[in-house]
PDB file of N, CA and C in Angstrom:
ATOM      1  N   MET A   1     -36.683 -24.973 -18.604  1.00  0.00           N
ATOM      2  CA  MET A   1     -35.700 -25.613 -19.455  1.00  0.00           C
ATOM      3  C   MET A   1     -36.334 -25.867 -20.818  1.00  0.00           C
ATOM      4  N   THR A   2     -35.610 -25.535 -21.862  1.00  0.00           N
ATOM      5  CA  THR A   2     -36.120 -25.660 -23.223  1.00  0.00           C
ATOM      6  C   THR A   2     -35.899 -27.075 -23.738  1.00  0.00           C
ATOM      7  N   GLU A   3     -36.942 -27.622 -24.331  1.00  0.00           N
ATOM      8  CA  GLU A   3     -36.812 -28.940 -24.959  1.00  0.00           C
ATOM      9  C   GLU A   3     -36.394 -28.734 -26.407  1.00  0.00           C
ATOM     10  N   TRP A   4     -35.290 -29.324 -26.783  1.00  0.00           N
ATOM     11  CA  TRP A   4     -34.745 -29.147 -28.124  1.00  0.00           C
ATOM     12  C   TRP A   4     -35.051 -30.371 -28.972  1.00  0.00           C
ATOM     13  N   LYS A   5     -36.182 -30.339 -29.679  1.00  0.00           N
ATOM     14  CA  LYS A   5     -36.546 -31.399 -30.620  1.00  0.00           C
ATOM     15  C   LYS A   5     -35.697 -31.214 -31.877  1.00  0.00           C
ATOM     16  N   PRO A   6     -35.512 -32.296 -32.643  1.00  0.00           N
ATOM     17  CA  PRO A   6     -34.689 -32.188 -33.859  1.00  0.00           C
ATOM     18  C   PRO A   6     -35.177 -31.122 -34.840  1.00  0.00           C
ATOM     19  N   SER A   7     -36.485 -30.948 -34.960  1.00  0.00           N
ATOM     20  CA  SER A   7     -36.999 -29.924 -35.882  1.00  0.00           C
ATOM     21  C   SER A   7     -36.641 -28.521 -35.389  1.00  0.00           C
ATOM     22  N   LYS A   8     -36.675 -28.328 -34.073  1.00  0.00           N
ATOM     23  CA  LYS A   8     -36.331 -27.022 -33.491  1.00  0.00           C
ATOM     24  C   LYS A   8     -34.841 -26.738 -33.662  1.00  0.00           C
ATOM     25  N   VAL A   9     -34.024 -27.786 -33.537  1.00  0.00           N
ATOM     26  CA  VAL A   9     -32.575 -27.632 -33.710  1.00  0.00           C
ATOM     27  C   VAL A   9     -32.262 -27.255 -35.152  1.00  0.00           C
ATOM     28  N   ARG A  10     -32.933 -27.902 -36.122  1.00  0.00           N
ATOM     29  CA  ARG A  10     -32.712 -27.567 -37.533  1.00  0.00           C
ATOM     30  C   ARG A  10     -33.105 -26.116 -37.811  1.00  0.00           C
ATOM     31  N   ARG A  11     -34.224 -25.695 -37.219  1.00  0.00           N
ATOM     32  CA  ARG A  11     -34.677 -24.303 -37.398  1.00  0.00           C
ATOM     33  C   ARG A  11     -33.657 -23.334 -36.801  1.00  0.00           C
ATOM     34  N   LEU A  12     -33.134 -23.693 -35.630  1.00  0.00           N
ATOM     35  CA  LEU A  12     -32.094 -22.874 -34.987  1.00  0.00           C
ATOM     36  C   LEU A  12     -30.886 -22.754 -35.899  1.00  0.00           C
ATOM     37  N   GLU A  13     -30.430 -23.856 -36.437  1.00  0.00           N
ATOM     38  CA  GLU A  13     -29.250 -23.834 -37.312  1.00  0.00           C
ATOM     39  C   GLU A  13     -29.500 -22.978 -38.555  1.00  0.00           C
ATOM     40  N   THR A  14     -30.710 -23.075 -39.109  1.00  0.00           N
ATOM     41  CA  THR A  14     -31.052 -22.289 -40.295  1.00  0.00           C
ATOM     42  C   THR A  14     -31.053 -20.798 -39.983  1.00  0.00           C
ATOM     43  N   LEU A  15     -31.718 -20.428 -38.880  1.00  0.00           N
ATOM     44  CA  LEU A  15     -31.793 -19.011 -38.507  1.00  0.00           C
ATOM     45  C   LEU A  15     -30.413 -18.470 -38.154  1.00  0.00           C
ATOM     46  N   TRP A  16     -29.591 -19.293 -37.496  1.00  0.00           N
ATOM     47  CA  TRP A  16     -28.239 -18.882 -37.126  1.00  0.00           C
ATOM     48  C   TRP A  16     -27.414 -18.618 -38.386  1.00  0.00           C
ATOM     49  N   ALA A  17     -27.553 -19.501 -39.385  1.00  0.00           N
ATOM     50  CA  ALA A  17     -26.810 -19.347 -40.628  1.00  0.00           C
ATOM     51  C   ALA A  17     -27.258 -18.100 -41.391  1.00  0.00           C
ATOM     52  N   LYS A  18     -28.534 -17.704 -41.233  1.00  0.00           N
ATOM     53  CA  LYS A  18     -29.033 -16.500 -41.893  1.00  0.00           C
ATOM     54  C   LYS A  18     -28.502 -15.230 -41.238  1.00  0.00           C
ATOM     55  N   GLY A  19     -27.979 -15.363 -40.015  1.00  0.00           N
ATOM     56  CA  GLY A  19     -27.390 -14.203 -39.348  1.00  0.00           C
ATOM     57  C   GLY A  19     -28.284 -13.524 -38.335  1.00  0.00           C
ATOM     58  N   LEU A  20     -29.400 -14.163 -37.949  1.00  0.00           N
ATOM     59  CA  LEU A  20     -30.266 -13.570 -36.938  1.00  0.00           C
ATOM     60  C   LEU A  20     -29.569 -13.591 -35.579  1.00  0.00           C
ATOM     61  N   SER A  21     -29.923 -12.632 -34.734  1.00  0.00           N
ATOM     62  CA  SER A  21     -29.330 -12.585 -33.394  1.00  0.00           C
ATOM     63  C   SER A  21     -29.963 -13.658 -32.517  1.00  0.00           C
ATOM     64  N   ALA A  22     -29.321 -13.955 -31.406  1.00  0.00           N
ATOM     65  CA  ALA A  22     -29.845 -14.959 -30.481  1.00  0.00           C
ATOM     66  C   ALA A  22     -31.205 -14.533 -29.934  1.00  0.00           C
ATOM     67  N   SER A  23     -31.402 -13.256 -29.710  1.00  0.00           N
ATOM     68  CA  SER A  23     -32.699 -12.757 -29.226  1.00  0.00           C
ATOM     69  C   SER A  23     -33.787 -12.971 -30.265  1.00  0.00           C
ATOM     70  N   GLN A  24     -33.478 -12.661 -31.514  1.00  0.00           N
ATOM     71  CA  GLN A  24     -34.460 -12.837 -32.585  1.00  0.00           C
ATOM     72  C   GLN A  24     -34.813 -14.311 -32.766  1.00  0.00           C
ATOM     73  N   ILE A  25     -33.812 -15.168 -32.705  1.00  0.00           N
ATOM     74  CA  ILE A  25     -34.057 -16.605 -32.839  1.00  0.00           C
ATOM     75  C   ILE A  25     -34.896 -17.102 -31.675  1.00  0.00           C
ATOM     76  N   GLY A  26     -34.574 -16.637 -30.475  1.00  0.00           N
ATOM     77  CA  GLY A  26     -35.333 -17.043 -29.297  1.00  0.00           C
ATOM     78  C   GLY A  26     -36.803 -16.672 -29.415  1.00  0.00           C
ATOM     79  N   LYS A  27     -37.089 -15.487 -29.939  1.00  0.00           N
ATOM     80  CA  LYS A  27     -38.487 -15.071 -30.110  1.00  0.00           C
ATOM     81  C   LYS A  27     -39.206 -15.979 -31.096  1.00  0.00           C
ATOM     82  N   GLN A  28     -38.524 -16.340 -32.175  1.00  0.00           N
ATOM     83  CA  GLN A  28     -39.151 -17.193 -33.175  1.00  0.00           C
ATOM     84  C   GLN A  28     -39.351 -18.622 -32.674  1.00  0.00           C
ATOM     85  N   LEU A  29     -38.436 -19.099 -31.842  1.00  0.00           N
ATOM     86  CA  LEU A  29     -38.524 -20.475 -31.353  1.00  0.00           C
ATOM     87  C   LEU A  29     -39.292 -20.576 -30.035  1.00  0.00           C
ATOM     88  N   GLY A  30     -39.581 -19.432 -29.431  1.00  0.00           N
ATOM     89  CA  GLY A  30     -40.316 -19.439 -28.169  1.00  0.00           C
ATOM     90  C   GLY A  30     -39.456 -19.827 -26.978  1.00  0.00           C
ATOM     91  N   CYS A  31     -38.221 -19.386 -26.977  1.00  0.00           N
ATOM     92  CA  CYS A  31     -37.325 -19.658 -25.848  1.00  0.00           C
ATOM     93  C   CYS A  31     -36.486 -18.409 -25.578  1.00  0.00           C
ATOM     94  N   SER A  32     -35.657 -18.464 -24.570  1.00  0.00           N
ATOM     95  CA  SER A  32     -34.874 -17.293 -24.188  1.00  0.00           C
ATOM     96  C   SER A  32     -33.604 -17.164 -25.030  1.00  0.00           C
ATOM     97  N   ARG A  33     -33.041 -15.995 -24.988  1.00  0.00           N
ATOM     98  CA  ARG A  33     -31.771 -15.733 -25.662  1.00  0.00           C
ATOM     99  C   ARG A  33     -30.680 -16.627 -25.086  1.00  0.00           C
ATOM    100  N   SER A  34     -30.699 -16.795 -23.768  1.00  0.00           N
ATOM    101  CA  SER A  34     -29.687 -17.624 -23.103  1.00  0.00           C
ATOM    102  C   SER A  34     -29.777 -19.075 -23.560  1.00  0.00           C
ATOM    103  N   ALA A  35     -30.998 -19.568 -23.746  1.00  0.00           N
ATOM    104  CA  ALA A  35     -31.174 -20.942 -24.206  1.00  0.00           C
ATOM    105  C   ALA A  35     -30.600 -21.108 -25.606  1.00  0.00           C
ATOM    106  N   VAL A  36     -30.823 -20.102 -26.454  1.00  0.00           N
ATOM    107  CA  VAL A  36     -30.280 -20.148 -27.819  1.00  0.00           C
ATOM    108  C   VAL A  36     -28.757 -20.117 -27.773  1.00  0.00           C
ATOM    109  N   CYS A  37     -28.184 -19.234 -26.974  1.00  0.00           N
ATOM    110  CA  CYS A  37     -26.719 -19.133 -26.869  1.00  0.00           C
ATOM    111  C   CYS A  37     -26.115 -20.442 -26.370  1.00  0.00           C
ATOM    112  N   GLY A  38     -26.757 -21.041 -25.380  1.00  0.00           N
ATOM    113  CA  GLY A  38     -26.264 -22.308 -24.849  1.00  0.00           C
ATOM    114  C   GLY A  38     -26.299 -23.420 -25.881  1.00  0.00           C
ATOM    115  N   LYS A  39     -27.395 -23.500 -26.630  1.00  0.00           N
ATOM    116  CA  LYS A  39     -27.516 -24.547 -27.638  1.00  0.00           C
ATOM    117  C   LYS A  39     -26.531 -24.317 -28.783  1.00  0.00           C
ATOM    118  N   VAL A  40     -26.350 -23.064 -29.183  1.00  0.00           N
ATOM    119  CA  VAL A  40     -25.374 -22.736 -30.232  1.00  0.00           C
ATOM    120  C   VAL A  40     -23.983 -23.175 -29.791  1.00  0.00           C
ATOM    121  N   ASP A  41     -23.678 -22.946 -28.526  1.00  0.00           N
ATOM    122  CA  ASP A  41     -22.374 -23.338 -27.995  1.00  0.00           C
ATOM    123  C   ASP A  41     -22.224 -24.864 -27.986  1.00  0.00           C
ATOM    124  N   ARG A  42     -23.269 -25.563 -27.537  1.00  0.00           N
ATOM    125  CA  ARG A  42     -23.200 -27.028 -27.483  1.00  0.00           C
ATOM    126  C   ARG A  42     -23.147 -27.650 -28.871  1.00  0.00           C
ATOM    127  N   LEU A  43     -23.766 -27.008 -29.855  1.00  0.00           N
ATOM    128  CA  LEU A  43     -23.733 -27.514 -31.222  1.00  0.00           C
ATOM    129  C   LEU A  43     -22.452 -27.112 -31.949  1.00  0.00           C
ATOM    130  N   ASN A  44     -21.649 -26.289 -31.308  1.00  0.00           N
ATOM    131  CA  ASN A  44     -20.405 -25.779 -31.900  1.00  0.00           C
ATOM    132  C   ASN A  44     -20.661 -25.094 -33.241  1.00  0.00           C
ATOM    133  N   LEU A  45     -21.722 -24.297 -33.297  1.00  0.00           N
ATOM    134  CA  LEU A  45     -22.006 -23.549 -34.511  1.00  0.00           C
ATOM    135  C   LEU A  45     -20.966 -22.442 -34.658  1.00  0.00           C
ATOM    136  N   PRO A  46     -20.606 -22.101 -35.893  1.00  0.00           N
ATOM    137  CA  PRO A  46     -19.544 -21.106 -36.087  1.00  0.00           C
ATOM    138  C   PRO A  46     -19.966 -19.725 -35.601  1.00  0.00           C
ATOM    139  N   SER A  47     -19.008 -19.060 -35.023  1.00  0.00           N
ATOM    140  CA  SER A  47     -19.237 -17.680 -34.589  1.00  0.00           C
ATOM    141  C   SER A  47     -19.296 -16.795 -35.814  1.00  0.00           C
ATOM    142  N   ARG A  48     -20.129 -15.774 -35.765  1.00  0.00           N
ATOM    143  CA  ARG A  48     -20.271 -14.895 -36.919  1.00  0.00           C
ATOM    144  C   ARG A  48     -19.356 -13.689 -36.845  1.00  0.00           C
ATOM    145  N   VAL A  49     -18.812 -13.398 -35.675  1.00  0.00           N
ATOM    146  CA  VAL A  49     -17.959 -12.223 -35.514  1.00  0.00           C
ATOM    147  C   VAL A  49     -16.646 -12.666 -34.892  1.00  0.00           C
ATOM    148  N   GLN A  50     -15.561 -12.292 -35.517  1.00  0.00           N
ATOM    149  CA  GLN A  50     -14.245 -12.537 -34.940  1.00  0.00           C
ATOM    150  C   GLN A  50     -13.865 -11.288 -34.163  1.00  0.00           C
ATOM    151  N   TRP A  51     -13.977 -11.334 -32.830  1.00  0.00           N
ATOM    152  CA  TRP A  51     -13.793 -10.132 -32.013  1.00  0.00           C
ATOM    153  C   TRP A  51     -12.383  -9.580 -32.107  1.00  0.00           C
ATOM    154  N   SER A  52     -11.416 -10.425 -32.406  1.00  0.00           N
ATOM    155  CA  SER A  52     -10.053  -9.915 -32.514  1.00  0.00           C
ATOM    156  C   SER A  52      -9.883  -9.071 -33.776  1.00  0.00           C
ATOM    157  N   SER A  53     -10.751  -9.274 -34.773  1.00  0.00           N
ATOM    158  CA  SER A  53     -10.619  -8.514 -36.011  1.00  0.00           C
ATOM    159  C   SER A  53     -11.497  -7.265 -36.025  1.00  0.00           C
ATOM    160  N   VAL A  54     -12.360  -7.114 -35.021  1.00  0.00           N
ATOM    161  CA  VAL A  54     -13.236  -5.945 -34.971  1.00  0.00           C
ATOM    162  C   VAL A  54     -12.431  -4.757 -34.451  1.00  0.00           C
ATOM    163  N   LYS A  55     -12.428  -3.695 -35.227  1.00  0.00           N
ATOM    164  CA  LYS A  55     -11.679  -2.505 -34.834  1.00  0.00           C
ATOM    165  C   LYS A  55     -12.649  -1.339 -34.717  1.00  0.00           C
ATOM    166  N   PRO A  56     -12.486  -0.498 -33.727  1.00  0.00           N
ATOM    167  CA  PRO A  56     -13.371   0.654 -33.609  1.00  0.00           C
ATOM    168  C   PRO A  56     -13.149   1.616 -34.773  1.00  0.00           C
ATOM    169  N   PRO A  57     -14.201   2.303 -35.179  1.00  0.00           N
ATOM    170  CA  PRO A  57     -14.017   3.256 -36.281  1.00  0.00           C
ATOM    171  C   PRO A  57     -13.085   4.388 -35.875  1.00  0.00           C
ATOM    172  N   VAL A  58     -12.292   4.823 -36.818  1.00  0.00           N
ATOM    173  CA  VAL A  58     -11.337   5.896 -36.565  1.00  0.00           C
ATOM    174  C   VAL A  58     -11.977   7.209 -36.987  1.00  0.00           C
ATOM    175  N   LYS A  59     -11.971   8.161 -36.094  1.00  0.00           N
ATOM    176  CA  LYS A  59     -12.537   9.470 -36.383  1.00  0.00           C
ATOM    177  C   LYS A  59     -11.391  10.450 -36.591  1.00  0.00           C
ATOM    178  N   LEU A  60     -11.324  11.000 -37.771  1.00  0.00           N
ATOM    179  CA  LEU A  60     -10.275  11.961 -38.072  1.00  0.00           C
ATOM    180  C   LEU A  60     -10.718  13.343 -37.638  1.00  0.00           C
ATOM    181  N   VAL A  61      -9.839  14.038 -36.965  1.00  0.00           N
ATOM    182  CA  VAL A  61     -10.145  15.373 -36.473  1.00  0.00           C
ATOM    183  C   VAL A  61      -9.133  16.340 -37.062  1.00  0.00           C
ATOM    184  N   GLN A  62      -9.640  17.397 -37.626  1.00  0.00           N
ATOM    185  CA  GLN A  62      -8.773  18.432 -38.179  1.00  0.00           C
ATOM    186  C   GLN A  62      -8.350  19.375 -37.060  1.00  0.00           C
ATOM    187  N   PRO A  63      -7.075  19.688 -36.961  1.00  0.00           N
ATOM    188  CA  PRO A  63      -6.661  20.640 -35.932  1.00  0.00           C
ATOM    189  C   PRO A  63      -7.255  22.011 -36.216  1.00  0.00           C
ATOM    190  N   THR A  64      -7.781  22.632 -35.188  1.00  0.00           N
ATOM    191  CA  THR A  64      -8.433  23.932 -35.377  1.00  0.00           C
ATOM    192  C   THR A  64      -7.440  25.062 -35.157  1.00  0.00           C
ATOM    193  N   THR A  65      -7.067  25.292 -33.934  1.00  0.00           N
ATOM    194  CA  THR A  65      -6.122  26.360 -33.632  1.00  0.00           C
ATOM    195  C   THR A  65      -5.125  25.838 -32.610  1.00  0.00           C
ATOM    196  N   GLU A  66      -4.140  26.645 -32.366  1.00  0.00           N
ATOM    197  CA  GLU A  66      -3.132  26.266 -31.380  1.00  0.00           C
ATOM    198  C   GLU A  66      -3.762  26.285 -29.993  1.00  0.00           C
ATOM    199  N   VAL A  67      -3.478  25.265 -29.222  1.00  0.00           N
ATOM    200  CA  VAL A  67      -4.017  25.172 -27.867  1.00  0.00           C
ATOM    201  C   VAL A  67      -3.142  25.996 -26.942  1.00  0.00           C
ATOM    202  N   LYS A  68      -3.786  26.906 -26.215  1.00  0.00           N
ATOM    203  CA  LYS A  68      -3.050  27.752 -25.278  1.00  0.00           C
ATOM    204  C   LYS A  68      -3.379  27.298 -23.864  1.00  0.00           C
ATOM    205  N   PRO A  69      -2.410  27.323 -22.974  1.00  0.00           N
ATOM    206  CA  PRO A  69      -2.701  26.944 -21.590  1.00  0.00           C
ATOM    207  C   PRO A  69      -3.652  27.947 -20.940  1.00  0.00           C
ATOM    208  N   VAL A  70      -4.441  27.465 -20.011  1.00  0.00           N
ATOM    209  CA  VAL A  70      -5.400  28.327 -19.327  1.00  0.00           C
ATOM    210  C   VAL A  70      -4.666  29.401 -18.535  1.00  0.00           C
ATOM    211  N   LEU A  71      -3.642  28.991 -17.824  1.00  0.00           N
ATOM    212  CA  LEU A  71      -2.838  29.953 -17.061  1.00  0.00           C
ATOM    213  C   LEU A  71      -1.393  29.852 -17.519  1.00  0.00           C
ATOM    214  N   SER A  72      -0.805  30.985 -17.719  1.00  0.00           N
ATOM    215  CA  SER A  72       0.611  30.975 -18.069  1.00  0.00           C
ATOM    216  C   SER A  72       1.408  30.636 -16.810  1.00  0.00           C
ATOM    217  N   PRO A  73       2.605  30.141 -16.985  1.00  0.00           N
ATOM    218  CA  PRO A  73       3.409  29.792 -15.803  1.00  0.00           C
ATOM    219  C   PRO A  73       3.627  30.963 -14.867  1.00  0.00           C
ATOM    220  N   GLU A  74       3.665  32.178 -15.400  1.00  0.00           N
ATOM    221  CA  GLU A  74       3.869  33.340 -14.535  1.00  0.00           C
ATOM    222  C   GLU A  74       2.663  33.587 -13.631  1.00  0.00           C
ATOM    223  N   ARG A  75       1.462  33.232 -14.124  1.00  0.00           N
ATOM    224  CA  ARG A  75       0.233  33.514 -13.374  1.00  0.00           C
ATOM    225  C   ARG A  75      -0.147  32.383 -12.427  1.00  0.00           C
ATOM    226  N   MET A  76       0.528  31.251 -12.547  1.00  0.00           N
ATOM    227  CA  MET A  76       0.174  30.122 -11.684  1.00  0.00           C
ATOM    228  C   MET A  76       0.608  30.413 -10.248  1.00  0.00           C
ATOM    229  N   ARG A  77      -0.224  30.047  -9.303  1.00  0.00           N
ATOM    230  CA  ARG A  77       0.101  30.289  -7.892  1.00  0.00           C
ATOM    231  C   ARG A  77       1.038  29.212  -7.385  1.00  0.00           C
ATOM    232  N   ARG A  78       1.913  29.645  -6.562  1.00  0.00           N
ATOM    233  CA  ARG A  78       2.815  28.695  -5.923  1.00  0.00           C
ATOM    234  C   ARG A  78       2.117  28.143  -4.684  1.00  0.00           C
ATOM    235  N   PRO A  79       2.363  26.877  -4.357  1.00  0.00           N
ATOM    236  CA  PRO A  79       1.722  26.319  -3.164  1.00  0.00           C
ATOM    237  C   PRO A  79       2.163  27.063  -1.910  1.00  0.00           C
ATOM    238  N   VAL A  80       1.219  27.271  -1.022  1.00  0.00           N
ATOM    239  CA  VAL A  80       1.481  27.995   0.215  1.00  0.00           C
ATOM    240  C   VAL A  80       1.894  26.995   1.284  1.00  0.00           C
ATOM    241  N   LYS A  81       2.983  27.293   1.963  1.00  0.00           N
ATOM    242  CA  LYS A  81       3.427  26.422   3.045  1.00  0.00           C
ATOM    243  C   LYS A  81       2.516  26.624   4.245  1.00  0.00           C
ATOM    244  N   PRO A  82       2.131  25.547   4.924  1.00  0.00           N
ATOM    245  CA  PRO A  82       1.266  25.703   6.091  1.00  0.00           C
ATOM    246  C   PRO A  82       2.008  26.411   7.227  1.00  0.00           C
ATOM    247  N   VAL A  83       1.263  27.237   7.930  1.00  0.00           N
ATOM    248  CA  VAL A  83       1.830  27.975   9.059  1.00  0.00           C
ATOM    249  C   VAL A  83       1.736  27.071  10.286  1.00  0.00           C
ATOM    250  N   PRO A  84       2.837  26.862  10.985  1.00  0.00           N
ATOM    251  CA  PRO A  84       2.766  26.010  12.173  1.00  0.00           C
ATOM    252  C   PRO A  84       1.940  26.689  13.274  1.00  0.00           C
ATOM    253  N   LEU A  85       1.073  25.884  13.901  1.00  0.00           N
ATOM    254  CA  LEU A  85       0.219  26.400  14.965  1.00  0.00           C
ATOM    255  C   LEU A  85       0.759  25.964  16.314  1.00  0.00           C
ATOM    256  N   THR A  86       0.468  26.780  17.294  1.00  0.00           N
ATOM    257  CA  THR A  86       0.846  26.396  18.648  1.00  0.00           C
ATOM    258  C   THR A  86      -0.177  25.416  19.187  1.00  0.00           C
ATOM    259  N   LYS A  87       0.156  24.767  20.262  1.00  0.00           N
ATOM    260  CA  LYS A  87      -0.755  23.797  20.867  1.00  0.00           C
ATOM    261  C   LYS A  87      -2.038  24.475  21.318  1.00  0.00           C
ATOM    262  N   ALA A  88      -1.938  25.671  21.849  1.00  0.00           N
ATOM    263  CA  ALA A  88      -3.114  26.403  22.322  1.00  0.00           C
ATOM    264  C   ALA A  88      -4.022  26.763  21.144  1.00  0.00           C
ATOM    265  N   GLU A  89      -3.438  27.175  20.019  1.00  0.00           N
ATOM    266  CA  GLU A  89      -4.240  27.508  18.839  1.00  0.00           C
ATOM    267  C   GLU A  89      -4.954  26.274  18.289  1.00  0.00           C
ATOM    268  N   MET A  90      -4.291  25.141  18.316  1.00  0.00           N
ATOM    269  CA  MET A  90      -4.917  23.911  17.835  1.00  0.00           C
ATOM    270  C   MET A  90      -6.082  23.512  18.731  1.00  0.00           C
ATOM    271  N   TYR A  91      -5.912  23.610  20.051  1.00  0.00           N
ATOM    272  CA  TYR A  91      -7.007  23.294  20.968  1.00  0.00           C
ATOM    273  C   TYR A  91      -8.184  24.241  20.765  1.00  0.00           C
ATOM    274  N   GLU A  92      -7.896  25.510  20.514  1.00  0.00           N
ATOM    275  CA  GLU A  92      -8.958  26.492  20.299  1.00  0.00           C
ATOM    276  C   GLU A  92      -9.731  26.159  19.016  1.00  0.00           C
ATOM    277  N   MET A  93      -9.013  25.789  17.958  1.00  0.00           N
ATOM    278  CA  MET A  93      -9.679  25.410  16.700  1.00  0.00           C
ATOM    279  C   MET A  93     -10.557  24.178  16.898  1.00  0.00           C
ATOM    280  N   LEU A  94     -10.050  23.211  17.652  1.00  0.00           N
ATOM    281  CA  LEU A  94     -10.814  21.992  17.926  1.00  0.00           C
ATOM    282  C   LEU A  94     -12.066  22.316  18.756  1.00  0.00           C
ATOM    283  N   ALA A  95     -11.923  23.170  19.745  1.00  0.00           N
ATOM    284  CA  ALA A  95     -13.068  23.528  20.580  1.00  0.00           C
ATOM    285  C   ALA A  95     -14.119  24.255  19.740  1.00  0.00           C
ATOM    286  N   GLU A  96     -13.690  25.118  18.835  1.00  0.00           N
ATOM    287  CA  GLU A  96     -14.635  25.826  17.974  1.00  0.00           C
ATOM    288  C   GLU A  96     -15.351  24.861  17.035  1.00  0.00           C
ATOM    289  N   ALA A  97     -14.625  23.887  16.529  1.00  0.00           N
ATOM    290  CA  ALA A  97     -15.249  22.903  15.643  1.00  0.00           C
ATOM    291  C   ALA A  97     -16.290  22.088  16.395  1.00  0.00           C
ATOM    292  N   VAL A  98     -16.002  21.734  17.639  1.00  0.00           N
ATOM    293  CA  VAL A  98     -16.972  20.966  18.456  1.00  0.00           C
ATOM    294  C   VAL A  98     -18.205  21.817  18.729  1.00  0.00           C
ATOM    295  N   ARG A  99     -18.023  23.094  19.004  1.00  0.00           N
ATOM    296  CA  ARG A  99     -19.162  23.978  19.255  1.00  0.00           C
ATOM    297  C   ARG A  99     -20.040  24.129  18.013  1.00  0.00           C
ATOM    298  N   ASN A 100     -19.445  24.088  16.842  1.00  0.00           N
ATOM    299  CA  ASN A 100     -20.196  24.274  15.603  1.00  0.00           C
ATOM    300  C   ASN A 100     -20.916  23.016  15.125  1.00  0.00           C
ATOM    301  N   THR A 101     -20.682  21.893  15.788  1.00  0.00           N
ATOM    302  CA  THR A 101     -21.347  20.661  15.339  1.00  0.00           C
ATOM    303  C   THR A 101     -22.582  20.382  16.158  1.00  0.00           C
TER     304      THR A 101
END
């Protein structure tokens, strides 16, 4: 547990105002990042980033060529209906599977 003396708290507030990260402040003060985050929260220090206003960068892409399907509808295979098996054929398949294991 970190002991927060008034001089250490003032140093924390100064470093926080300069924009250092919690990890960087922790290294300078000799405590963990979590301890710094907890103390910042308890002191109600202002957040430096408004996450609702952060937007990912937009990457503009120029269209190259027309996209063609891999297979044309004429070349696509139609699903094959399963062939019904007799009871004897099913037992034979099961027996073969057991022999192969």
